[in-house]
Amino acid sequence: NGLYVTHSDPNFVFSFSTPEAAIMNIVTSEVNNIADLPGQCRGGYRIKIANTDSDFDDYYAIFVTEFDGIDGPGAWEETVAPDLNTVINPASMPHVISREPNGTFVVAPIEWESRLVGDNKTNPKPSFLSRPNEDGDRYINNMAFFRNRLCFLSGDNVICSRPGDYYNFWRSSALSLVTNDPIDLAVGTTGSSANATLYDSIEVASGLLVFTSQEQFVLGTDSEEFGPRTSRFARVGTYRYTGSEARTITQPQ
């Protein structure tokens, strides 16, 4: 019950109009509301739902047909923005050491989960990844395991994976922030030292104790839930930490 129109020249501009909006609804690459999406469509068609003037409530939907390869009935599912980097390069990330049945050990890269929804504003890259036009590269200084999450220490941030999904550092939806989404939080130092780089951590009763060269912070929560909305840092000490002098670093891309 629809028409799918394309042009071979991507720079060619054309327009459509209809005298009866109730009979035919025209959509391109963007709509203002989910109610404007057609009930039947071409399989794989991707549309941006703009909602309001704010960029932080935009999301993308792709049409999945009821029958594979047959355009028509189906449903819209949340997806990622087009032309967006969605993968983490395994070659420049920490590797895993595993023991084989014959007793040998194998060092191999990890297949990190891809970004499946949103864009750089609604589902931004984890802060351990270097960004274009950024002063200096980002490094992973250390790792920890806390509250069933794999945690990276990078710069002044602690980045925690989704709980139980240790290789996934992306949000599950661009529409809402939920408890099991990743955590990416900076210590926000107020000390006299400009160097707030985190070098080490240890789990204590109140949370995850992390160390800069001159200060100590605890990552924890005042709630029963530990998630991106409830996690917070508290400064607990100003002792000098010398373990950073021997710390090695790796650089993700």
C-alpha atoms as a PDB file:
ATOM      1  CA  ASN A   1       0.000   0.000   0.000  1.00  0.00           C
ATOM      2  CA  GLY A   2       2.951   2.338  -0.547  1.00  0.00           C
ATOM      3  CA  LEU A   3       5.426   3.707  -3.059  1.00  0.00           C
ATOM      4  CA  TYR A   4       9.199   3.635  -2.585  1.00  0.00           C
ATOM      5  CA  VAL A   5      10.915   6.300  -4.702  1.00  0.00           C
ATOM      6  CA  THR A   6      14.655   6.757  -5.222  1.00  0.00           C
ATOM      7  CA  HIS A   7      16.974   8.598  -7.621  1.00  0.00           C
ATOM      8  CA  SER A   8      20.335   7.445  -8.954  1.00  0.00           C
ATOM      9  CA  ASP A   9      21.906  10.868  -8.291  1.00  0.00           C
ATOM     10  CA  PRO A  10      22.273  11.399  -4.506  1.00  0.00           C
ATOM     11  CA  ASN A  11      22.554  15.174  -5.051  1.00  0.00           C
ATOM     12  CA  PHE A  12      19.290  15.392  -6.986  1.00  0.00           C
ATOM     13  CA  VAL A  13      16.555  17.178  -5.023  1.00  0.00           C
ATOM     14  CA  PHE A  14      12.895  16.359  -5.627  1.00  0.00           C
ATOM     15  CA  SER A  15       9.713  16.744  -3.641  1.00  0.00           C
ATOM     16  CA  PHE A  16       6.281  15.164  -3.320  1.00  0.00           C
ATOM     17  CA  SER A  17       2.965  16.529  -2.201  1.00  0.00           C
ATOM     18  CA  THR A  18      -0.530  15.175  -1.734  1.00  0.00           C
ATOM     19  CA  PRO A  19      -3.867  17.008  -1.580  1.00  0.00           C
ATOM     20  CA  GLU A  20      -5.223  14.394   0.836  1.00  0.00           C
ATOM     21  CA  ALA A  21      -2.892  13.936   3.791  1.00  0.00           C
ATOM     22  CA  ALA A  22      -5.313  11.476   5.347  1.00  0.00           C
ATOM     23  CA  ILE A  23      -4.991   9.195   2.327  1.00  0.00           C
ATOM     24  CA  MET A  24      -1.227   9.297   1.723  1.00  0.00           C
ATOM     25  CA  ASN A  25       1.536  10.096   4.205  1.00  0.00           C
ATOM     26  CA  ILE A  26       4.936  11.100   2.784  1.00  0.00           C
ATOM     27  CA  VAL A  27       8.085  10.271   4.760  1.00  0.00           C
ATOM     28  CA  THR A  28      11.764  10.691   3.899  1.00  0.00           C
ATOM     29  CA  SER A  29      14.704  10.140   6.236  1.00  0.00           C
ATOM     30  CA  GLU A  30      13.130  11.911   9.243  1.00  0.00           C
ATOM     31  CA  VAL A  31       9.757  12.258  10.960  1.00  0.00           C
ATOM     32  CA  ASN A  32       8.684  14.342  13.945  1.00  0.00           C
ATOM     33  CA  ASN A  33       6.738  11.638  15.745  1.00  0.00           C
ATOM     34  CA  ILE A  34       6.563   7.867  15.821  1.00  0.00           C
ATOM     35  CA  ALA A  35       2.888   8.122  14.885  1.00  0.00           C
ATOM     36  CA  ASP A  36       3.989   9.378  11.441  1.00  0.00           C
ATOM     37  CA  LEU A  37       5.667   6.058  10.584  1.00  0.00           C
ATOM     38  CA  PRO A  38       3.825   3.909   8.037  1.00  0.00           C
ATOM     39  CA  GLY A  39       2.433   0.527   9.048  1.00  0.00           C
ATOM     40  CA  GLN A  40       3.864  -1.087   5.920  1.00  0.00           C
ATOM     41  CA  CYS A  41       7.233  -0.188   4.400  1.00  0.00           C
ATOM     42  CA  ARG A  42      10.304  -1.349   2.521  1.00  0.00           C
ATOM     43  CA  GLY A  43      12.425  -3.794   4.524  1.00  0.00           C
ATOM     44  CA  GLY A  44      15.527  -2.178   6.038  1.00  0.00           C
ATOM     45  CA  TYR A  45      14.246   1.389   5.657  1.00  0.00           C
ATOM     46  CA  ARG A  46      15.835   3.600   8.338  1.00  0.00           C
ATOM     47  CA  ILE A  47      14.235   6.762   9.715  1.00  0.00           C
ATOM     48  CA  LYS A  48      15.196   9.317  12.350  1.00  0.00           C
ATOM     49  CA  ILE A  49      12.465  10.212  14.868  1.00  0.00           C
ATOM     50  CA  ALA A  50      13.254  13.799  15.840  1.00  0.00           C
ATOM     51  CA  ASN A  51      10.644  14.286  18.618  1.00  0.00           C
ATOM     52  CA  THR A  52      11.549  17.776  19.955  1.00  0.00           C
ATOM     53  CA  ASP A  53      14.153  20.412  19.061  1.00  0.00           C
ATOM     54  CA  SER A  54      16.630  18.745  21.431  1.00  0.00           C
ATOM     55  CA  ASP A  55      19.161  16.334  19.906  1.00  0.00           C
ATOM     56  CA  PHE A  56      19.169  14.208  23.060  1.00  0.00           C
ATOM     57  CA  ASP A  57      15.707  12.691  22.517  1.00  0.00           C
ATOM     58  CA  ASP A  58      16.262  11.718  18.873  1.00  0.00           C
ATOM     59  CA  TYR A  59      16.431   8.065  17.964  1.00  0.00           C
ATOM     60  CA  TYR A  60      16.488   5.877  14.863  1.00  0.00           C
ATOM     61  CA  ALA A  61      14.187   3.085  13.753  1.00  0.00           C
ATOM     62  CA  ILE A  62      14.549   0.448  11.043  1.00  0.00           C
ATOM     63  CA  PHE A  63      11.694  -1.443   9.430  1.00  0.00           C
ATOM     64  CA  VAL A  64      11.799  -5.218   9.860  1.00  0.00           C
ATOM     65  CA  THR A  65       9.381  -6.984   7.544  1.00  0.00           C
ATOM     66  CA  GLU A  66       7.116  -9.784   8.672  1.00  0.00           C
ATOM     67  CA  PHE A  67       8.501 -12.054   5.947  1.00  0.00           C
ATOM     68  CA  ASP A  68      12.204 -11.928   5.028  1.00  0.00           C
ATOM     69  CA  GLY A  69      12.819 -10.294   1.658  1.00  0.00           C
ATOM     70  CA  ILE A  70       9.191  -9.257   1.175  1.00  0.00           C
ATOM     71  CA  ASP A  71       8.325  -5.566   1.601  1.00  0.00           C
ATOM     72  CA  GLY A  72       5.027  -4.757   3.262  1.00  0.00           C
ATOM     73  CA  PRO A  73       3.794  -5.650   6.769  1.00  0.00           C
ATOM     74  CA  GLY A  74       6.278  -5.578   9.627  1.00  0.00           C
ATOM     75  CA  ALA A  75       7.410  -3.533  12.615  1.00  0.00           C
ATOM     76  CA  TRP A  76       9.752  -0.651  13.444  1.00  0.00           C
ATOM     77  CA  GLU A  77      12.690  -1.467  15.737  1.00  0.00           C
ATOM     78  CA  GLU A  78      15.200   0.876  17.362  1.00  0.00           C
ATOM     79  CA  THR A  79      18.557   0.975  15.586  1.00  0.00           C
ATOM     80  CA  VAL A  80      21.783   2.958  15.241  1.00  0.00           C
ATOM     81  CA  ALA A  81      22.293   6.141  13.226  1.00  0.00           C
ATOM     82  CA  PRO A  82      23.608   5.681   9.662  1.00  0.00           C
ATOM     83  CA  ASP A  83      27.289   6.241   8.788  1.00  0.00           C
ATOM     84  CA  LEU A  84      28.376   5.857  12.407  1.00  0.00           C
ATOM     85  CA  ASN A  85      31.322   3.938  13.837  1.00  0.00           C
ATOM     86  CA  THR A  86      29.711   1.125  15.799  1.00  0.00           C
ATOM     87  CA  VAL A  87      32.592  -1.246  16.634  1.00  0.00           C
ATOM     88  CA  ILE A  88      35.566  -1.199  18.999  1.00  0.00           C
ATOM     89  CA  ASN A  89      38.858  -2.281  17.412  1.00  0.00           C
ATOM     90  CA  PRO A  90      39.847  -5.516  19.222  1.00  0.00           C
ATOM     91  CA  ALA A  91      43.504  -5.238  18.152  1.00  0.00           C
ATOM     92  CA  SER A  92      44.097  -2.111  20.246  1.00  0.00           C
ATOM     93  CA  MET A  93      42.126  -3.244  23.300  1.00  0.00           C
ATOM     94  CA  PRO A  94      43.077  -5.566  26.195  1.00  0.00           C
ATOM     95  CA  HIS A  95      43.429  -9.209  25.191  1.00  0.00           C
ATOM     96  CA  VAL A  96      42.330 -12.341  27.017  1.00  0.00           C
ATOM     97  CA  ILE A  97      44.624 -15.143  28.226  1.00  0.00           C
ATOM     98  CA  SER A  98      42.899 -18.531  28.165  1.00  0.00           C
ATOM     99  CA  ARG A  99      44.103 -22.018  28.985  1.00  0.00           C
ATOM    100  CA  GLU A 100      43.623 -24.710  26.372  1.00  0.00           C
ATOM    101  CA  PRO A 101      42.753 -28.379  27.180  1.00  0.00           C
ATOM    102  CA  ASN A 102      46.350 -29.403  26.384  1.00  0.00           C
ATOM    103  CA  GLY A 103      47.687 -27.102  29.105  1.00  0.00           C
ATOM    104  CA  THR A 104      48.959 -24.329  26.826  1.00  0.00           C
ATOM    105  CA  PHE A 105      47.911 -20.686  27.137  1.00  0.00           C
ATOM    106  CA  VAL A 106      46.606 -18.579  24.271  1.00  0.00           C
ATOM    107  CA  VAL A 107      46.577 -14.780  24.112  1.00  0.00           C
ATOM    108  CA  ALA A 108      43.824 -13.528  21.815  1.00  0.00           C
ATOM    109  CA  PRO A 109      41.793 -10.369  21.126  1.00  0.00           C
ATOM    110  CA  ILE A 110      38.265 -10.006  22.473  1.00  0.00           C
ATOM    111  CA  GLU A 111      35.218  -9.442  20.292  1.00  0.00           C
ATOM    112  CA  TRP A 112      33.699  -6.404  21.982  1.00  0.00           C
ATOM    113  CA  GLU A 113      29.986  -5.792  21.518  1.00  0.00           C
ATOM    114  CA  SER A 114      28.940  -3.300  18.838  1.00  0.00           C
ATOM    115  CA  ARG A 115      26.813  -0.182  19.278  1.00  0.00           C
ATOM    116  CA  LEU A 116      23.298  -1.158  18.173  1.00  0.00           C
ATOM    117  CA  VAL A 117      21.231   1.952  18.910  1.00  0.00           C
ATOM    118  CA  GLY A 118      21.480   5.744  19.048  1.00  0.00           C
ATOM    119  CA  ASP A 119      24.185   8.157  17.958  1.00  0.00           C
ATOM    120  CA  ASN A 120      27.153   9.971  19.503  1.00  0.00           C
ATOM    121  CA  LYS A 121      24.852  12.083  21.709  1.00  0.00           C
ATOM    122  CA  THR A 122      22.268   9.559  22.881  1.00  0.00           C
ATOM    123  CA  ASN A 123      24.713   6.623  23.055  1.00  0.00           C
ATOM    124  CA  PRO A 124      28.224   8.152  23.156  1.00  0.00           C
ATOM    125  CA  LYS A 125      31.500   6.299  22.883  1.00  0.00           C
ATOM    126  CA  PRO A 126      32.986   5.108  26.180  1.00  0.00           C
ATOM    127  CA  SER A 127      35.576   7.596  27.358  1.00  0.00           C
ATOM    128  CA  PHE A 128      38.477   5.138  27.106  1.00  0.00           C
ATOM    129  CA  LEU A 129      38.287   5.501  23.307  1.00  0.00           C
ATOM    130  CA  SER A 130      40.312   8.269  21.678  1.00  0.00           C
ATOM    131  CA  ARG A 131      38.236  10.912  19.926  1.00  0.00           C
ATOM    132  CA  PRO A 132      39.101  13.036  16.865  1.00  0.00           C
ATOM    133  CA  ASN A 133      40.502  16.512  17.599  1.00  0.00           C
ATOM    134  CA  GLU A 134      41.093  15.585  21.242  1.00  0.00           C
ATOM    135  CA  ASP A 135      44.228  16.803  23.000  1.00  0.00           C
ATOM    136  CA  GLY A 136      46.231  13.630  23.482  1.00  0.00           C
ATOM    137  CA  ASP A 137      45.220   9.993  23.270  1.00  0.00           C
ATOM    138  CA  ARG A 138      43.131   8.039  25.743  1.00  0.00           C
ATOM    139  CA  TYR A 139      44.664   5.109  27.583  1.00  0.00           C
ATOM    140  CA  ILE A 140      43.465   2.245  29.742  1.00  0.00           C
ATOM    141  CA  ASN A 141      45.638   2.351  32.863  1.00  0.00           C
ATOM    142  CA  ASN A 142      44.089  -0.542  34.758  1.00  0.00           C
ATOM    143  CA  MET A 143      41.122  -2.879  35.022  1.00  0.00           C
ATOM    144  CA  ALA A 144      38.901  -4.082  37.841  1.00  0.00           C
ATOM    145  CA  PHE A 145      35.883  -6.288  38.431  1.00  0.00           C
ATOM    146  CA  PHE A 146      33.198  -4.612  40.528  1.00  0.00           C
ATOM    147  CA  ARG A 147      29.483  -5.297  41.069  1.00  0.00           C
ATOM    148  CA  ASN A 148      29.488  -7.893  38.278  1.00  0.00           C
ATOM    149  CA  ARG A 149      30.878  -5.315  35.845  1.00  0.00           C
ATOM    150  CA  LEU A 150      34.214  -5.123  34.032  1.00  0.00           C
ATOM    151  CA  CYS A 151      35.704  -1.713  34.850  1.00  0.00           C
ATOM    152  CA  PHE A 152      38.388   0.273  33.010  1.00  0.00           C
ATOM    153  CA  LEU A 153      40.391   3.104  34.547  1.00  0.00           C
ATOM    154  CA  SER A 154      41.086   5.688  31.845  1.00  0.00           C
ATOM    155  CA  GLY A 155      42.109   9.274  32.510  1.00  0.00           C
ATOM    156  CA  ASP A 156      39.975  10.510  35.412  1.00  0.00           C
ATOM    157  CA  ASN A 157      37.096   8.190  34.479  1.00  0.00           C
ATOM    158  CA  VAL A 158      35.948   4.768  35.616  1.00  0.00           C
ATOM    159  CA  ILE A 159      34.046   3.026  32.822  1.00  0.00           C
ATOM    160  CA  CYS A 160      31.959   0.006  33.833  1.00  0.00           C
ATOM    161  CA  SER A 161      30.435  -2.494  31.416  1.00  0.00           C
ATOM    162  CA  ARG A 162      26.854  -3.686  31.576  1.00  0.00           C
ATOM    163  CA  PRO A 163      26.432  -6.141  34.483  1.00  0.00           C
ATOM    164  CA  GLY A 164      27.096  -9.716  33.422  1.00  0.00           C
ATOM    165  CA  ASP A 165      27.823  -8.534  29.876  1.00  0.00           C
ATOM    166  CA  TYR A 166      31.495  -7.769  30.380  1.00  0.00           C
ATOM    167  CA  TYR A 167      32.384  -6.872  26.785  1.00  0.00           C
ATOM    168  CA  ASN A 168      29.495  -4.464  26.269  1.00  0.00           C
ATOM    169  CA  PHE A 169      30.038  -0.739  26.934  1.00  0.00           C
ATOM    170  CA  TRP A 170      26.993   0.571  25.027  1.00  0.00           C
ATOM    171  CA  ARG A 171      23.512   1.579  26.157  1.00  0.00           C
ATOM    172  CA  SER A 172      20.651  -0.783  25.358  1.00  0.00           C
ATOM    173  CA  SER A 173      18.356   2.023  24.178  1.00  0.00           C
ATOM    174  CA  ALA A 174      18.612   5.676  23.193  1.00  0.00           C
ATOM    175  CA  LEU A 175      15.126   6.302  24.586  1.00  0.00           C
ATOM    176  CA  SER A 176      15.862   5.767  28.277  1.00  0.00           C
ATOM    177  CA  LEU A 177      18.714   5.206  30.713  1.00  0.00           C
ATOM    178  CA  VAL A 178      18.276   2.036  32.761  1.00  0.00           C
ATOM    179  CA  THR A 179      20.103   0.495  35.717  1.00  0.00           C
ATOM    180  CA  ASN A 180      21.960  -2.142  33.701  1.00  0.00           C
ATOM    181  CA  ASP A 181      23.411   0.374  31.240  1.00  0.00           C
ATOM    182  CA  PRO A 182      27.173   1.095  31.348  1.00  0.00           C
ATOM    183  CA  ILE A 183      28.606   3.615  33.808  1.00  0.00           C
ATOM    184  CA  ASP A 184      31.110   6.275  32.699  1.00  0.00           C
ATOM    185  CA  LEU A 185      31.957   8.624  35.561  1.00  0.00           C
ATOM    186  CA  ALA A 186      34.782  11.088  36.285  1.00  0.00           C
ATOM    187  CA  VAL A 187      36.167  11.582  39.777  1.00  0.00           C
ATOM    188  CA  GLY A 188      35.906  15.386  39.553  1.00  0.00           C
ATOM    189  CA  THR A 189      38.954  16.153  41.690  1.00  0.00           C
ATOM    190  CA  THR A 190      38.996  19.336  43.759  1.00  0.00           C
ATOM    191  CA  GLY A 191      42.551  18.994  44.947  1.00  0.00           C
ATOM    192  CA  SER A 192      45.505  21.207  44.129  1.00  0.00           C
ATOM    193  CA  SER A 193      46.937  18.647  41.704  1.00  0.00           C
ATOM    194  CA  ALA A 194      45.867  18.972  38.067  1.00  0.00           C
ATOM    195  CA  ASN A 195      46.647  15.297  37.502  1.00  0.00           C
ATOM    196  CA  ALA A 196      43.493  13.313  38.257  1.00  0.00           C
ATOM    197  CA  THR A 197      44.540  10.250  36.269  1.00  0.00           C
ATOM    198  CA  LEU A 198      43.387   7.023  37.892  1.00  0.00           C
ATOM    199  CA  TYR A 199      46.054   4.333  38.217  1.00  0.00           C
ATOM    200  CA  ASP A 200      44.759   1.614  40.512  1.00  0.00           C
ATOM    201  CA  SER A 201      41.726   0.351  42.419  1.00  0.00           C
ATOM    202  CA  ILE A 202      40.659  -2.084  45.108  1.00  0.00           C
ATOM    203  CA  GLU A 203      37.200  -3.176  46.237  1.00  0.00           C
ATOM    204  CA  VAL A 204      36.273  -2.181  49.781  1.00  0.00           C
ATOM    205  CA  ALA A 205      33.077  -2.418  51.811  1.00  0.00           C
ATOM    206  CA  SER A 206      31.797   0.990  50.697  1.00  0.00           C
ATOM    207  CA  GLY A 207      32.585   0.567  46.997  1.00  0.00           C
ATOM    208  CA  LEU A 208      35.486   0.653  44.566  1.00  0.00           C
ATOM    209  CA  LEU A 209      38.450   2.587  45.971  1.00  0.00           C
ATOM    210  CA  VAL A 210      40.462   4.266  43.179  1.00  0.00           C
ATOM    211  CA  PHE A 211      43.807   6.049  43.314  1.00  0.00           C
ATOM    212  CA  THR A 212      45.232   9.101  41.576  1.00  0.00           C
ATOM    213  CA  SER A 213      48.804  10.191  42.256  1.00  0.00           C
ATOM    214  CA  GLN A 214      47.665  12.344  45.204  1.00  0.00           C
ATOM    215  CA  GLU A 215      44.017  11.541  46.013  1.00  0.00           C
ATOM    216  CA  GLN A 216      41.725   8.586  46.687  1.00  0.00           C
ATOM    217  CA  PHE A 217      38.023   8.250  45.787  1.00  0.00           C
ATOM    218  CA  VAL A 218      35.336   5.647  46.359  1.00  0.00           C
ATOM    219  CA  LEU A 219      32.892   4.768  43.600  1.00  0.00           C
ATOM    220  CA  GLY A 220      29.635   3.686  45.191  1.00  0.00           C
ATOM    221  CA  THR A 221      25.935   4.406  45.529  1.00  0.00           C
ATOM    222  CA  ASP A 222      23.463   5.574  48.152  1.00  0.00           C
ATOM    223  CA  SER A 223      20.830   3.299  46.637  1.00  0.00           C
ATOM    224  CA  GLU A 224      20.367  -0.458  46.542  1.00  0.00           C
ATOM    225  CA  GLU A 225      20.878  -0.244  42.784  1.00  0.00           C
ATOM    226  CA  PHE A 226      24.256   0.499  41.223  1.00  0.00           C
ATOM    227  CA  GLY A 227      23.678   2.140  37.847  1.00  0.00           C
ATOM    228  CA  PRO A 228      24.427   5.242  35.773  1.00  0.00           C
ATOM    229  CA  ARG A 229      21.821   7.327  37.636  1.00  0.00           C
ATOM    230  CA  THR A 230      22.776   6.282  41.175  1.00  0.00           C
ATOM    231  CA  SER A 231      26.570   5.900  41.067  1.00  0.00           C
ATOM    232  CA  ARG A 232      28.760   8.646  42.476  1.00  0.00           C
ATOM    233  CA  PHE A 233      32.310   9.376  43.652  1.00  0.00           C
ATOM    234  CA  ALA A 234      33.326  10.497  47.142  1.00  0.00           C
ATOM    235  CA  ARG A 235      36.829  11.693  47.999  1.00  0.00           C
ATOM    236  CA  VAL A 236      38.181   9.798  50.979  1.00  0.00           C
ATOM    237  CA  GLY A 237      41.898  10.674  51.134  1.00  0.00           C
ATOM    238  CA  THR A 238      44.736  12.871  49.928  1.00  0.00           C
ATOM    239  CA  TYR A 239      47.653  10.487  50.305  1.00  0.00           C
ATOM    240  CA  ARG A 240      50.414  10.329  47.747  1.00  0.00           C
ATOM    241  CA  TYR A 241      50.280   7.168  45.644  1.00  0.00           C
ATOM    242  CA  THR A 242      53.524   5.996  44.035  1.00  0.00           C
ATOM    243  CA  GLY A 243      52.230   2.878  42.267  1.00  0.00           C
ATOM    244  CA  SER A 244      51.572   4.954  39.141  1.00  0.00           C
ATOM    245  CA  GLU A 245      55.312   5.226  38.454  1.00  0.00           C
ATOM    246  CA  ALA A 246      55.544   1.596  37.346  1.00  0.00           C
ATOM    247  CA  ARG A 247      52.159   1.383  35.609  1.00  0.00           C
ATOM    248  CA  THR A 248      52.094   0.314  31.970  1.00  0.00           C
ATOM    249  CA  ILE A 249      49.403   1.508  29.610  1.00  0.00           C
ATOM    250  CA  THR A 250      47.665   0.398  26.426  1.00  0.00           C
ATOM    251  CA  GLN A 251      46.072   2.587  23.815  1.00  0.00           C
ATOM    252  CA  PRO A 252      42.661   1.806  22.310  1.00  0.00           C
ATOM    253  CA  GLN A 253      41.611   3.301  18.976  1.00  0.00           C
END
